[in-house]
Protein backbone atom coordinates (compact mmCIF):
# COMPACT_ATOMS: atom_id res chain seq x y z
CA MET A 1 -15.40 -23.40 -38.35
CA ALA A 2 -18.57 -20.73 -37.29
CA LYS A 3 -19.51 -19.54 -34.25
CA TRP A 4 -22.84 -19.15 -32.88
CA VAL A 5 -24.76 -16.45 -30.80
CA CYS A 6 -26.96 -17.40 -27.70
CA SER A 7 -29.84 -14.45 -28.35
CA VAL A 8 -30.53 -14.58 -25.33
CA CYS A 9 -27.46 -14.91 -22.71
CA GLY A 10 -24.58 -13.60 -25.44
CA TYR A 11 -22.80 -17.14 -24.40
CA VAL A 12 -20.37 -18.15 -27.94
CA TYR A 13 -20.66 -21.34 -29.28
CA ASP A 14 -17.26 -22.05 -31.42
CA GLU A 15 -17.37 -25.14 -33.74
CA GLU A 16 -13.94 -24.96 -33.11
CA THR A 17 -13.15 -25.44 -29.83
CA GLY A 18 -16.26 -27.11 -28.98
CA GLU A 19 -17.94 -26.87 -25.06
CA ILE A 20 -15.66 -27.47 -22.31
CA SER A 21 -19.20 -28.09 -19.90
CA THR A 22 -21.37 -29.95 -22.06
CA GLN A 23 -18.48 -32.16 -22.83
CA THR A 24 -18.71 -31.36 -26.48
CA PRO A 25 -15.48 -31.26 -28.50
CA PRO A 26 -14.30 -30.00 -30.94
CA GLY A 27 -14.52 -30.04 -34.62
CA ILE A 28 -18.33 -30.59 -34.43
CA ALA A 29 -20.58 -28.05 -36.32
CA PHE A 30 -23.43 -26.17 -34.63
CA SER A 31 -26.08 -27.87 -36.95
CA ASP A 32 -24.65 -31.75 -35.80
CA LEU A 33 -25.29 -30.87 -32.17
CA PRO A 34 -28.72 -33.13 -31.14
CA ASP A 35 -31.77 -31.06 -30.61
CA THR A 36 -31.68 -31.33 -27.34
CA TRP A 37 -29.00 -29.59 -26.91
CA ARG A 38 -28.89 -26.37 -24.71
CA CYS A 39 -26.92 -23.52 -24.18
CA PRO A 40 -25.06 -24.66 -21.26
CA VAL A 41 -25.69 -20.70 -19.50
CA CYS A 42 -28.43 -20.31 -19.44
CA GLY A 43 -30.74 -23.62 -20.65
CA ALA A 44 -32.09 -21.98 -24.11
CA GLU A 45 -32.82 -24.35 -27.54
CA LYS A 46 -30.82 -24.69 -30.16
CA SER A 47 -32.81 -21.91 -31.95
CA ALA A 48 -31.90 -19.18 -30.10
CA PHE A 49 -28.80 -19.29 -31.70
CA ARG A 50 -27.61 -16.97 -34.72
CA ARG A 51 -24.79 -17.45 -36.77
CA ILE A 52 -21.74 -15.13 -36.10
CA PRO A 53 -21.09 -13.23 -40.17
CA GLU A 54 -17.40 -14.53 -41.15
CA GLU A 55 -16.08 -11.22 -40.85
CA ASP A 56 -17.27 -11.00 -37.27
CA VAL A 57 -15.67 -14.00 -36.14
CA HIS A 58 -11.92 -13.34 -37.36
CA LYS A 59 -12.71 -9.62 -36.14
CA GLY A 60 -11.97 -11.45 -33.05
CA ALA A 61 -9.12 -13.38 -33.29
CA GLU A 62 -7.15 -10.04 -34.06
CA THR A 63 -5.00 -9.17 -31.01
CA THR A 64 -7.86 -6.66 -28.84
CA VAL A 65 -6.96 -3.21 -26.87
CA ALA A 66 -7.29 -5.59 -23.86
CA ASP A 67 -4.57 -7.53 -24.97
CA VAL A 68 -2.53 -4.41 -25.95
CA VAL A 69 -2.88 -2.69 -22.66
CA VAL A 70 -1.74 -5.40 -20.85
CA SER A 71 0.94 -5.79 -22.81
CA GLU A 72 1.99 -2.28 -21.91
CA LEU A 73 1.71 -2.40 -18.55
CA ALA A 74 3.65 -5.53 -18.74
CA ALA A 75 6.56 -3.34 -21.33
CA TRP A 76 6.41 -0.14 -17.88
CA GLY A 77 7.65 -2.89 -15.17
CA VAL A 78 4.11 -3.99 -13.77
CA ARG A 79 4.02 -7.77 -12.37
CA PHE A 80 0.93 -7.56 -10.70
CA ALA A 81 -3.04 -6.85 -10.82
CA PHE A 82 -5.08 -6.51 -7.87
CA GLY A 83 -8.22 -7.09 -8.21
CA ILE A 84 -12.16 -9.20 -9.22
CA PRO A 85 -13.79 -9.88 -12.57
CA GLY A 86 -16.59 -9.05 -14.02
CA SER A 87 -19.35 -8.36 -16.65
CA SER A 88 -17.25 -5.14 -17.62
CA SER A 89 -13.65 -6.60 -16.77
CA LEU A 90 -13.87 -9.63 -18.86
CA GLY A 91 -11.71 -8.47 -21.60
CA LEU A 92 -9.16 -7.38 -20.15
CA VAL A 93 -9.60 -10.36 -17.56
CA ASP A 94 -8.67 -12.58 -20.12
CA ALA A 95 -5.74 -10.71 -21.73
CA LEU A 96 -4.55 -10.86 -17.98
CA ARG A 97 -4.81 -15.24 -18.13
CA ARG A 98 -2.83 -15.20 -21.92
CA ASN A 99 -0.09 -12.32 -20.76
CA LYS A 100 1.93 -14.72 -18.36
CA LYS A 101 4.06 -11.69 -17.34
CA ILE A 102 1.86 -9.78 -15.19
CA ARG A 103 0.69 -12.07 -12.35
CA TYR A 104 -3.47 -11.86 -11.40
CA ILE A 105 -3.95 -11.52 -7.87
CA VAL A 106 -7.77 -12.35 -7.11
CA VAL A 107 -8.98 -10.39 -3.90
CA ARG A 108 -11.94 -10.70 -1.65
CA HIS A 109 -12.87 -6.70 -1.51
CA GLU A 110 -11.60 -3.95 -4.60
CA GLU A 111 -10.90 -2.19 -1.54
CA ASN A 112 -7.97 -4.46 -0.67
CA ALA A 113 -7.26 -4.39 -4.73
CA ALA A 114 -6.68 -0.99 -4.33
CA MET A 115 -4.87 -1.37 -1.17
CA ALA A 116 -2.11 -4.27 -1.47
CA ALA A 117 -1.57 -2.30 -4.90
CA SER A 118 -0.87 1.46 -2.27
CA ALA A 119 1.39 -0.95 -0.62
CA TYR A 120 3.52 -2.80 -3.15
CA ASN A 121 4.43 0.60 -4.53
CA LYS A 122 5.69 1.76 -0.72
CA PHE A 123 7.34 -1.16 -0.12
CA THR A 124 8.87 -1.66 -3.70
CA GLY A 125 8.82 2.00 -5.03
CA ASP A 126 7.67 -0.14 -8.40
CA LEU A 127 4.02 0.16 -9.58
CA ALA A 128 0.86 -2.64 -9.65
CA ALA A 129 -1.93 -2.41 -11.04
CA CYS A 130 -5.77 -2.79 -9.29
CA LEU A 131 -8.10 -4.18 -11.64
CA THR A 132 -12.06 -4.50 -11.54
CA ILE A 133 -15.39 -3.54 -13.37
CA ALA A 134 -17.60 -0.67 -13.61
CA GLY A 135 -19.84 1.12 -11.29
CA PRO A 136 -19.29 -0.62 -8.19
CA GLY A 137 -16.49 -1.98 -8.06
CA ALA A 138 -14.67 1.38 -9.08
CA THR A 139 -16.38 2.72 -6.28
CA ASN A 140 -15.45 0.49 -3.84
CA LEU A 141 -11.79 0.75 -4.98
CA SER A 142 -11.45 4.34 -3.84
CA THR A 143 -10.99 4.05 -0.29
CA GLY A 144 -7.62 1.97 -0.69
CA LEU A 145 -6.98 4.46 -3.86
CA TYR A 146 -7.63 7.23 -1.65
CA ASP A 147 -4.60 5.72 0.82
CA ALA A 148 -2.81 5.60 -1.91
CA LYS A 149 -3.38 9.49 -2.98
CA GLU A 150 -2.16 10.68 0.50
CA ASP A 151 0.89 8.56 1.04
CA HIS A 152 2.09 9.60 -2.59
CA ALA A 153 1.98 6.18 -3.73
CA SER A 154 2.45 5.72 -7.45
CA VAL A 155 -1.00 3.08 -8.75
CA ILE A 156 -2.00 2.53 -12.06
CA SER A 157 -6.11 1.20 -11.59
CA LEU A 158 -7.70 0.64 -14.46
CA ASN A 159 -11.57 -0.09 -14.79
CA GLY A 160 -14.36 -1.35 -16.75
CA GLN A 161 -16.63 0.77 -18.16
CA VAL A 162 -20.60 -0.29 -19.69
CA ALA A 163 -20.59 -0.51 -23.18
CA MET A 164 -23.16 2.70 -23.46
CA GLN A 165 -22.97 5.63 -21.10
CA TYR A 166 -24.91 8.31 -20.02
CA THR A 167 -27.82 7.01 -20.95
CA GLY A 168 -29.72 7.87 -18.06
CA PRO A 169 -31.71 6.12 -14.75
CA GLY A 170 -31.84 2.22 -14.67
CA ARG A 171 -28.50 1.32 -16.17
CA ILE A 172 -26.84 -1.37 -14.85
CA GLN A 173 -23.75 -0.55 -13.04
CA GLU A 174 -23.20 2.88 -14.53
CA ILE A 175 -21.91 5.82 -12.78
CA ASP A 176 -19.67 8.94 -14.20
CA GLN A 177 -16.28 7.74 -13.35
CA ASP A 178 -14.75 10.70 -14.60
CA ALA A 179 -16.64 12.22 -12.48
CA PHE A 180 -16.13 10.16 -9.25
CA PHE A 181 -12.16 9.26 -10.04
CA ARG A 182 -10.93 12.96 -10.43
CA PRO A 183 -10.64 13.93 -7.30
CA ILE A 184 -8.63 10.66 -5.74
CA THR A 185 -6.16 10.61 -9.83
CA VAL A 186 -3.37 12.41 -11.01
CA TYR A 187 -4.43 11.74 -14.39
CA ASN A 188 -7.90 10.15 -15.11
CA ASN A 189 -9.35 9.36 -18.09
CA THR A 190 -11.83 7.10 -20.21
CA ILE A 191 -10.58 5.29 -23.64
CA TYR A 192 -13.42 5.85 -25.86
CA ASP A 193 -11.51 5.97 -29.14
CA LYS A 194 -9.64 2.61 -29.22
CA GLN A 195 -6.56 4.53 -31.17
CA MET A 196 -5.64 5.89 -28.78
CA THR A 197 -5.27 3.31 -26.17
CA VAL A 198 -1.42 3.41 -26.07
CA LEU A 199 -1.58 7.26 -25.79
CA LEU A 200 -3.86 7.57 -22.14
CA LEU A 201 -2.39 4.13 -21.19
CA THR A 202 1.29 5.70 -21.49
CA GLN A 203 -0.81 8.82 -19.98
CA ALA A 204 -1.76 7.36 -17.33
CA LEU A 205 1.46 5.80 -16.22
CA LYS A 206 3.94 8.49 -16.30
CA PHE A 207 1.38 10.61 -14.29
CA ALA A 208 1.07 7.99 -11.79
CA ILE A 209 5.19 7.85 -11.54
CA LEU A 210 6.28 11.14 -11.82
CA ASN A 211 3.53 12.65 -10.06
CA HIS A 212 3.38 10.17 -6.81
CA GLY A 213 -0.37 8.95 -7.11
CA VAL A 214 -3.83 7.42 -9.03
CA GLY A 215 -3.10 7.35 -12.60
CA GLN A 216 -6.93 5.64 -13.79
CA LEU A 217 -8.25 4.40 -17.02
CA SER A 218 -11.87 3.15 -17.46
CA ILE A 219 -11.94 0.96 -20.83
CA PRO A 220 -15.82 0.40 -21.98
CA ASN A 221 -16.31 -2.96 -22.23
CA ASN A 222 -17.03 -3.23 -26.31
CA ILE A 223 -13.85 -1.13 -26.37
CA GLN A 224 -12.36 -3.80 -25.01
CA LYS A 225 -12.72 -6.63 -27.19
CA GLU A 226 -11.81 -4.20 -30.31
CA PRO A 227 -9.10 -5.38 -32.60
CA LEU A 228 -6.32 -3.24 -32.09
CA ASN A 229 -2.67 -2.82 -34.78
CA THR A 230 -0.87 -0.86 -32.74
CA SER A 231 1.31 0.29 -34.89
CA TYR A 232 -1.44 2.80 -36.10
CA CYS A 233 -0.90 4.21 -32.36
CA PRO A 234 0.75 7.27 -30.76
CA LYS A 235 2.70 6.20 -28.07
CA GLU A 236 5.18 8.59 -25.79
CA THR A 237 8.03 7.74 -22.98
CA CYS A 238 8.99 8.17 -20.01
CA ILE A 239 11.69 9.58 -17.76
CA PRO A 240 13.17 6.51 -15.65
CA ASP A 241 14.30 8.27 -12.80
CA ILE A 242 14.46 12.03 -11.44
CA HIS A 243 16.18 13.99 -9.47
CA ILE A 244 16.25 17.63 -8.24
CA LEU A 245 19.03 19.71 -6.96
CA PRO A 246 18.41 22.96 -5.25
CA ASP A 247 20.88 26.19 -6.35
CA VAL A 248 23.99 26.02 -4.75
CA LYS A 249 24.04 29.30 -3.82
CA GLN A 250 20.86 28.33 -2.10
CA ILE A 251 22.44 25.23 -0.48
CA GLN A 252 25.63 27.07 0.59
CA ARG A 253 22.89 29.48 2.33
CA ALA A 254 21.02 26.39 3.97
CA ALA A 255 24.94 25.05 5.14
CA ASP A 256 25.75 28.42 6.73
CA ALA A 257 22.90 27.60 8.99
CA ILE A 258 23.95 25.20 10.61
CA ASN A 259 27.29 25.84 10.71
CA GLN A 260 26.16 28.63 13.14
CA ALA A 261 23.66 27.00 14.74
CA LYS A 262 24.43 25.67 18.63
CA ASN A 263 21.48 23.26 19.04
CA PRO A 264 20.59 21.87 15.57
CA VAL A 265 18.67 18.94 15.34
CA ILE A 266 17.56 16.28 12.48
CA LEU A 267 14.28 15.30 11.65
CA ALA A 268 14.03 12.32 8.95
CA GLY A 269 10.84 12.26 7.03
CA TRP A 270 9.59 9.66 4.42
CA GLY A 271 11.93 11.95 1.90
CA ALA A 272 14.72 10.64 3.12
CA TYR A 273 14.04 7.26 4.08
CA SER A 274 16.25 5.77 1.25
CA GLU A 275 19.48 8.05 3.14
CA GLY A 276 19.82 7.03 6.51
CA GLU A 277 24.19 6.57 6.01
CA GLN A 278 24.18 10.13 4.89
CA VAL A 279 21.77 11.57 7.48
CA VAL A 280 23.80 9.64 10.35
CA GLY A 281 27.38 11.25 8.32
CA MET A 282 25.50 14.62 8.79
CA ALA A 283 24.43 13.86 12.46
CA GLN A 284 28.49 12.74 13.46
CA ARG A 285 29.59 16.41 11.80
CA ILE A 286 26.81 18.51 13.32
CA GLY A 287 26.65 16.73 16.36
CA ALA A 288 22.78 17.06 16.01
CA PRO A 289 20.59 13.87 17.82
CA ILE A 290 18.30 12.53 14.98
CA LEU A 291 14.71 12.37 14.84
CA THR A 292 12.49 10.58 13.08
CA THR A 293 8.34 10.84 11.22
CA TYR A 294 6.21 8.09 12.01
CA ARG A 295 6.80 6.89 8.56
CA ALA A 296 10.19 7.01 8.66
CA LYS A 297 11.03 4.65 11.85
CA GLY A 298 13.21 2.53 10.51
CA ILE A 299 15.64 4.64 8.48
CA LEU A 300 17.63 3.66 10.91
CA PRO A 301 17.96 1.11 13.79
CA GLU A 302 17.07 2.42 16.65
CA ALA A 303 20.15 1.22 18.19
CA TYR A 304 22.74 3.50 17.00
CA GLU A 305 24.10 6.24 19.07
CA TRP A 306 22.92 9.43 17.53
CA VAL A 307 19.19 8.43 16.79
CA ILE A 308 16.76 9.47 18.98
CA GLY A 309 13.81 7.97 17.94
CA ILE A 310 9.56 9.19 16.42
CA LEU A 311 9.23 12.63 16.91
CA GLY A 312 5.07 13.36 17.60
CA ASN A 313 2.67 11.59 20.08
CA VAL A 314 4.02 8.46 19.79
CA GLY A 315 7.51 8.73 20.36
CA SER A 316 9.24 9.80 23.75
CA PRO A 317 9.99 12.70 25.68
CA GLN A 318 13.31 13.14 25.03
CA ALA A 319 12.69 13.74 21.21
CA ARG A 320 10.19 16.49 21.77
CA VAL A 321 12.60 18.03 24.40
CA LEU A 322 15.12 18.25 21.72
CA ALA A 323 12.43 19.50 19.09
CA ASN A 324 11.40 21.70 21.61
CA GLU A 325 15.02 23.16 22.56
CA ALA A 326 16.72 23.94 18.79
CA ASP A 327 17.96 26.99 18.24
CA LEU A 328 17.85 24.68 14.03
CA LEU A 329 15.52 22.59 12.65
CA ILE A 330 16.60 20.34 9.45
CA THR A 331 14.38 18.85 7.85
CA LEU A 332 14.41 16.18 5.13
CA GLY A 333 11.49 14.82 3.48
CA VAL A 334 8.65 16.02 6.09
CA GLY A 335 5.43 15.96 5.77
CA PHE A 336 4.44 18.15 8.74
CA SER A 337 1.78 16.02 9.68
CA LYS A 338 -0.36 17.19 12.85
CA PHE A 339 0.56 13.63 14.98
CA THR A 340 4.88 14.94 14.22
CA ASP A 341 3.81 18.03 15.80
CA VAL A 342 6.76 19.71 14.43
CA PRO A 343 7.86 23.23 16.06
CA THR A 344 7.42 25.65 13.46
CA ASP A 345 8.27 28.76 15.13
CA LYS A 346 11.43 28.09 14.91
CA PRO A 347 14.37 28.61 11.99
CA LEU A 348 13.87 25.70 10.02
CA VAL A 349 16.29 24.67 6.91
CA GLN A 350 13.91 22.23 4.60
CA ILE A 351 14.15 19.54 2.37
CA ASP A 352 11.69 18.52 0.07
CA ILE A 353 11.01 17.05 -3.57
CA ASP A 354 7.63 19.04 -3.83
CA PRO A 355 7.72 23.06 -3.65
CA MET A 356 4.04 23.41 -2.49
CA LYS A 357 5.42 21.68 1.23
CA LEU A 358 8.09 23.97 1.04
CA GLY A 359 8.24 27.33 3.46
CA LYS A 360 6.95 26.47 6.71
CA ASN A 361 7.43 29.86 8.22
CA SER A 362 9.32 33.49 7.65
CA GLN A 363 12.12 31.89 8.95
CA THR A 364 13.17 28.76 6.48
CA ILE A 365 15.49 28.31 4.81
CA PRO A 366 13.58 25.87 1.65
CA LEU A 367 16.05 23.39 -0.31
CA TRP A 368 14.14 21.95 -3.48
CA GLY A 369 15.05 18.95 -4.25
CA ASP A 370 15.26 15.27 -3.53
CA SER A 371 17.61 13.99 -0.37
CA THR A 372 19.68 11.28 -2.19
CA ARG A 373 21.14 14.39 -4.64
CA VAL A 374 20.52 17.55 -1.54
CA ILE A 375 22.32 15.44 1.66
CA PRO A 376 25.41 15.19 -0.26
CA GLU A 377 26.07 18.13 -1.45
CA LEU A 378 25.31 19.90 1.94
CA LEU A 379 27.64 17.69 3.71
CA THR A 380 30.16 18.75 1.92
CA ARG A 381 30.13 22.41 3.42
CA LEU A 382 29.01 21.40 6.97
CA HIS A 383 31.98 22.52 9.62
CA GLN A 384 32.82 18.99 11.81
CA ARG A 385 32.10 20.19 15.00
CA GLU A 386 33.30 18.76 18.66
CA THR A 387 30.34 15.94 19.75
CA GLY A 388 31.49 14.48 23.03
CA GLU A 389 29.40 16.78 25.02
CA ILE A 390 26.20 16.20 22.73
CA GLN A 391 26.75 12.51 22.13
CA ALA A 392 26.93 11.51 26.17
CA ARG A 393 23.30 13.31 26.76
CA ILE A 394 22.22 11.51 23.67
CA GLN A 395 23.38 8.07 25.29
CA LYS A 396 21.21 9.01 28.60
CA MET A 397 18.36 9.93 26.69
CA LYS A 398 18.24 6.63 25.30
CA LYS A 399 18.75 4.60 27.93
CA ASP A 400 15.83 6.86 29.93
CA TRP A 401 13.76 5.72 26.90
CA ASP A 402 14.23 2.28 27.15
CA ASP A 403 14.36 1.42 30.37
CA GLN A 404 10.42 3.35 30.84
CA ARG A 405 9.70 1.05 27.39
CA GLU A 406 10.77 -1.87 29.81
CA ARG A 407 9.65 -1.04 32.73
CA GLU A 408 5.70 -0.68 31.31
CA ALA A 409 6.84 -4.25 29.65
CA ASP A 410 4.74 -6.35 32.22
CA PRO A 411 6.04 -9.96 31.43
CA ILE A 412 3.16 -11.62 34.11
CA ALA A 413 0.57 -8.99 33.30
CA VAL A 414 -2.64 -11.06 32.52
CA PRO A 415 -4.55 -10.02 29.82
CA ILE A 416 -0.86 -9.13 27.85
CA ARG A 417 0.24 -6.00 27.91
CA PRO A 418 0.85 -3.71 24.99
CA PRO A 419 4.65 -2.83 25.49
CA TYR A 420 4.76 -6.13 26.23
CA ILE A 421 3.62 -7.42 22.76
CA MET A 422 5.73 -5.48 21.38
CA LYS A 423 9.04 -5.94 23.33
CA ILE A 424 9.11 -9.90 21.85
CA LEU A 425 7.71 -8.93 18.59
CA SER A 426 10.82 -6.25 18.52
CA GLU A 427 13.44 -9.34 19.66
CA THR A 428 11.86 -12.31 17.52
CA ILE A 429 11.12 -11.18 14.24
CA PRO A 430 14.30 -10.65 11.93
CA GLU A 431 16.33 -8.02 10.90
CA ASP A 432 14.93 -8.29 7.42
CA ALA A 433 11.78 -8.94 7.96
CA LEU A 434 8.61 -6.74 6.29
CA LEU A 435 6.19 -6.13 8.48
CA SER A 436 2.76 -4.14 7.40
CA ILE A 437 0.98 -1.99 10.12
CA ASP A 438 -2.68 -1.58 10.40
CA VAL A 439 -4.37 1.20 11.89
CA GLY A 440 -5.36 1.55 15.47
CA GLU A 441 -3.71 0.81 19.05
CA ASN A 442 -1.70 -1.57 17.42
CA GLN A 443 -0.40 1.06 15.59
CA TRP A 444 0.41 3.41 18.57
CA TRP A 445 1.77 0.50 20.60
CA PHE A 446 4.84 -0.59 17.30
CA GLY A 447 5.72 3.36 16.73
CA ARG A 448 6.14 3.66 20.20
CA ASN A 449 7.42 0.25 21.88
CA PHE A 450 8.50 -1.75 18.67
CA ARG A 451 12.80 -1.74 18.80
CA ILE A 452 13.18 -1.42 14.94
CA LYS A 453 16.38 -2.76 13.93
CA ARG A 454 16.63 -3.05 9.76
CA GLN A 455 12.92 -4.58 9.07
CA ARG A 456 11.31 -2.82 6.50
CA PHE A 457 7.33 -1.81 7.38
CA ALA A 458 3.99 0.04 5.33
CA MET A 459 1.01 0.93 6.83
CA SER A 460 -1.79 3.47 6.11
CA GLY A 461 -0.26 7.07 6.19
CA TYR A 462 -2.44 10.09 6.17
CA LEU A 463 -5.99 8.72 5.08
CA GLY A 464 -4.68 6.40 8.27
CA THR A 465 -7.44 4.06 7.38
CA MET A 466 -8.29 0.45 9.12
CA GLY A 467 -7.82 -2.57 6.68
CA PHE A 468 -4.76 -2.16 5.65
CA GLY A 469 -2.45 -4.49 7.46
CA LEU A 470 -3.18 -7.73 6.17
CA PRO A 471 -3.29 -6.20 1.96
CA GLY A 472 -0.52 -4.71 3.18
CA ALA A 473 1.35 -7.72 3.72
CA ILE A 474 -0.38 -9.20 0.93
CA ALA A 475 1.90 -7.18 -1.93
CA ALA A 476 4.63 -7.07 0.52
CA LYS A 477 4.96 -11.61 0.21
CA LEU A 478 4.57 -11.03 -3.27
CA ALA A 479 7.50 -8.42 -4.01
CA TYR A 480 9.59 -10.11 -2.22
CA PRO A 481 8.71 -14.13 -1.56
CA GLU A 482 12.16 -14.50 0.32
CA LYS A 483 11.39 -12.37 3.50
CA GLU A 484 9.44 -13.23 6.37
CA VAL A 485 6.54 -10.90 6.15
CA TYR A 486 4.28 -9.75 8.96
CA CYS A 487 0.64 -7.95 9.48
CA ILE A 488 0.82 -6.72 13.12
CA THR A 489 -2.60 -5.97 13.30
CA GLY A 490 -6.18 -4.82 15.74
CA ASP A 491 -8.83 -7.21 16.33
CA GLY A 492 -11.01 -4.01 14.67
CA GLY A 493 -8.89 -3.57 11.31
CA PHE A 494 -8.77 -7.46 10.70
CA SER A 495 -12.06 -7.26 10.67
CA GLN A 496 -12.55 -4.83 8.06
CA ALA A 497 -10.02 -7.42 5.64
CA MET A 498 -10.07 -10.77 7.42
CA ALA A 499 -11.29 -12.37 3.83
CA GLU A 500 -8.01 -11.88 2.07
CA PHE A 501 -6.63 -14.23 4.99
CA LEU A 502 -8.63 -16.80 2.34
CA THR A 503 -6.17 -15.12 -0.48
CA ALA A 504 -2.93 -15.35 1.72
CA VAL A 505 -3.55 -19.44 1.73
CA LYS A 506 -5.36 -19.61 -1.58
CA TYR A 507 -1.78 -17.91 -2.98
CA ASP A 508 0.65 -19.84 -0.80
CA LEU A 509 1.79 -16.75 1.06
CA PRO A 510 3.06 -17.58 3.96
CA MET A 511 3.23 -14.69 6.39
CA VAL A 512 2.18 -14.07 10.57
CA VAL A 513 -0.62 -12.62 11.65
CA ILE A 514 -0.48 -11.24 14.65
CA ILE A 515 -3.77 -9.90 15.87
CA MET A 516 -3.95 -7.34 18.89
CA ASN A 517 -7.26 -8.64 20.46
CA ASN A 518 -8.51 -6.25 23.52
CA HIS A 519 -12.42 -6.56 21.84
CA GLN A 520 -12.77 -2.88 21.61
CA LEU A 521 -11.72 -0.11 18.88
CA GLY A 522 -8.98 0.76 21.43
CA MET A 523 -7.89 4.01 19.64
CA ILE A 524 -11.05 5.09 19.15
CA GLN A 525 -11.83 4.37 23.00
CA VAL A 526 -8.55 6.65 24.12
CA GLU A 527 -10.19 9.30 21.50
CA GLN A 528 -13.83 9.56 23.66
CA MET A 529 -11.46 9.15 26.92
CA MET A 530 -9.27 12.64 25.73
CA GLU A 531 -12.53 14.66 24.80
CA ASN A 532 -14.08 13.81 28.28
CA TYR A 533 -16.87 11.51 26.43
CA PRO A 534 -18.41 8.72 27.83
CA ASN A 535 -17.06 5.14 26.68
CA PHE A 536 -19.51 4.20 23.70
CA GLY A 537 -20.13 2.47 20.93
CA THR A 538 -16.52 0.79 20.86
CA ASP A 539 -17.12 -2.82 21.93
CA LEU A 540 -16.43 -5.87 19.83
CA TYR A 541 -18.33 -9.03 19.52
CA ASN A 542 -15.22 -11.19 17.75
CA PRO A 543 -15.24 -14.94 16.45
CA ASP A 544 -12.46 -16.72 17.43
CA PHE A 545 -9.63 -15.93 15.16
CA SER A 546 -6.53 -19.19 15.23
CA ALA A 547 -10.42 -21.02 14.46
CA TYR A 548 -10.62 -18.73 11.43
CA ALA A 549 -7.56 -19.62 10.51
CA ASP A 550 -7.70 -23.43 10.45
CA ALA A 551 -11.26 -22.87 8.92
CA CYS A 552 -9.60 -20.92 6.12
CA GLY A 553 -6.64 -23.63 5.43
CA GLY A 554 -3.93 -21.83 7.76
CA VAL A 555 -2.96 -22.77 11.19
CA GLY A 556 -4.32 -20.74 14.05
CA LEU A 557 -2.27 -19.83 17.02
CA ARG A 558 -4.68 -18.38 20.63
CA VAL A 559 -1.90 -16.86 23.07
CA GLU A 560 -3.25 -15.74 26.62
CA LYS A 561 -0.81 -15.99 28.65
CA PRO A 562 2.88 -13.36 28.34
CA PRO A 563 5.37 -17.49 28.72
CA ASP A 564 3.59 -18.67 25.39
CA LEU A 565 4.56 -15.13 22.99
CA GLN A 566 7.49 -15.87 21.90
CA PRO A 567 6.85 -19.74 21.25
CA ALA A 568 4.32 -18.97 19.43
CA VAL A 569 5.80 -16.41 17.04
CA GLU A 570 8.41 -19.31 16.80
CA LYS A 571 6.51 -21.67 15.84
CA ALA A 572 4.56 -19.91 13.53
CA ARG A 573 7.53 -18.21 11.44
CA ASN A 574 8.67 -21.39 10.80
CA LEU A 575 4.73 -22.83 9.28
CA LYS A 576 6.22 -21.34 5.99
CA ILE A 577 1.55 -21.04 6.11
CA PRO A 578 -0.44 -18.29 7.10
CA VAL A 579 -0.90 -18.32 10.81
CA ILE A 580 -3.25 -16.02 13.24
CA ILE A 581 -1.59 -15.57 16.68
CA ASP A 582 -4.55 -14.52 18.72
CA VAL A 583 -3.43 -12.25 21.10
CA GLU A 584 -5.23 -11.73 23.97
CA THR A 585 -4.86 -8.15 25.32
CA ASP A 586 -6.91 -5.48 26.97
CA PRO A 587 -7.23 -1.55 25.48
CA LYS A 588 -5.46 -0.23 28.52
CA ARG A 589 -3.00 2.02 27.89
CA PHE A 590 -0.89 1.55 31.27
């Protein structure tokens, strides 16, 4: 059986498989097609077709570079690839179609593909891929990939590339992707030689995992389709995990400093997120209150007796008082963001996996290592203290802060006040739920007023980009289909990614999207106020978000009065389909 190619558009007619769109059955020779037969893609006549040489037909039937790339990703545990198909990635997309170990999630914008891949790693610690085309597909990925770069999320990014590169102006969708991705990635390359496929892909995966960032490969369209026998490909392996432990003398030096401190305070960051119980053990032994960064909110339930809450501009006044009074700060995997505003004019015991972050001042005792290993070693060297007095003070501080937030949660104010929204969500969302938080005023109120228990949440941290919430929720539901997933967003953030609600419906991903609809870019309005500018350019003209949900095939609920909020959340979580709750609120802080 032969194959014939259209000289106008490149469509291939395969005599063995026939043609579905024109209902030509398998086994019909090209010469036996009626003279009226036309190319199903461009309409060209039979005379426009030429026969593909037999050696090229056999060549196309072998395992291709694209097949090898996808099978290697699956072997490394990649379960999802987010993206949009296109002309320069068709070989890779078809390899995904044929490989049942990786699920290809087609999104509506490439930025959201990269956001979802970044969020997947933040929720699970595992790799996901994003895959799209050369040129605009690559450039659209950049914001989501930059989120992964800034938050040290491991992501593998695959991009098609045009077959003939760097030929000058006028080439369609051709950009210098090597140069474009260089500032964003921890590994960046293009496969020019098919024999290097496995080695370069392995390098991209290793760098992404071990350096906690984006590994990017561009694969030219013609290379994707080349036959490849992997037995002739060089290959590397990757150590599964890294644990670093400082020198024993340095650990003892840190322990001595903690034992001698009169008023130590623990500040837990994202780097210690998995070590909540160990952090409590340290607090109980040395009588130290536990503060957290924003990203570490939820390392322990806020109700725990030693936990004060977030230090920073969304945190409590009590946390700031304790940080300022401390004669020693013990920082565990803390990024030292300006929003946390860690006081660095005092002695620090600093644990961090990144040696470049260590040594914030001349009084720092740096411990290069991961909290998983360092905290237990430190604990065995710490003295047990009498903690009754500090415990009593912490409990009073916690009560004062809880009472303040309770007063702010006005149950009768209309439009519904954000503190009340967070109070109801705190009481209604189950303890094992996953939360994807967007950027904006909703994020400020979540950090300040949501009483977290054992929920896990992800957000765009250091990049702070709007539109993260919805693709993050999609990633969360794909990763943990058995858990309830909530997206907490504002009208500004949601509208930047709202087409992905269709993605949630398409792939049957039940979730609850709570939109705090204040008809403003509320955070920008506050920033203008803080810098004494008049409010300008922040008002938003919104659609009916609940009607939009219905139009997409989900369910939309609209809430305008406080008593209706909790029933709406309960109804949404029981519907088991994607739901939008459009909550009418306002941009006022208090």
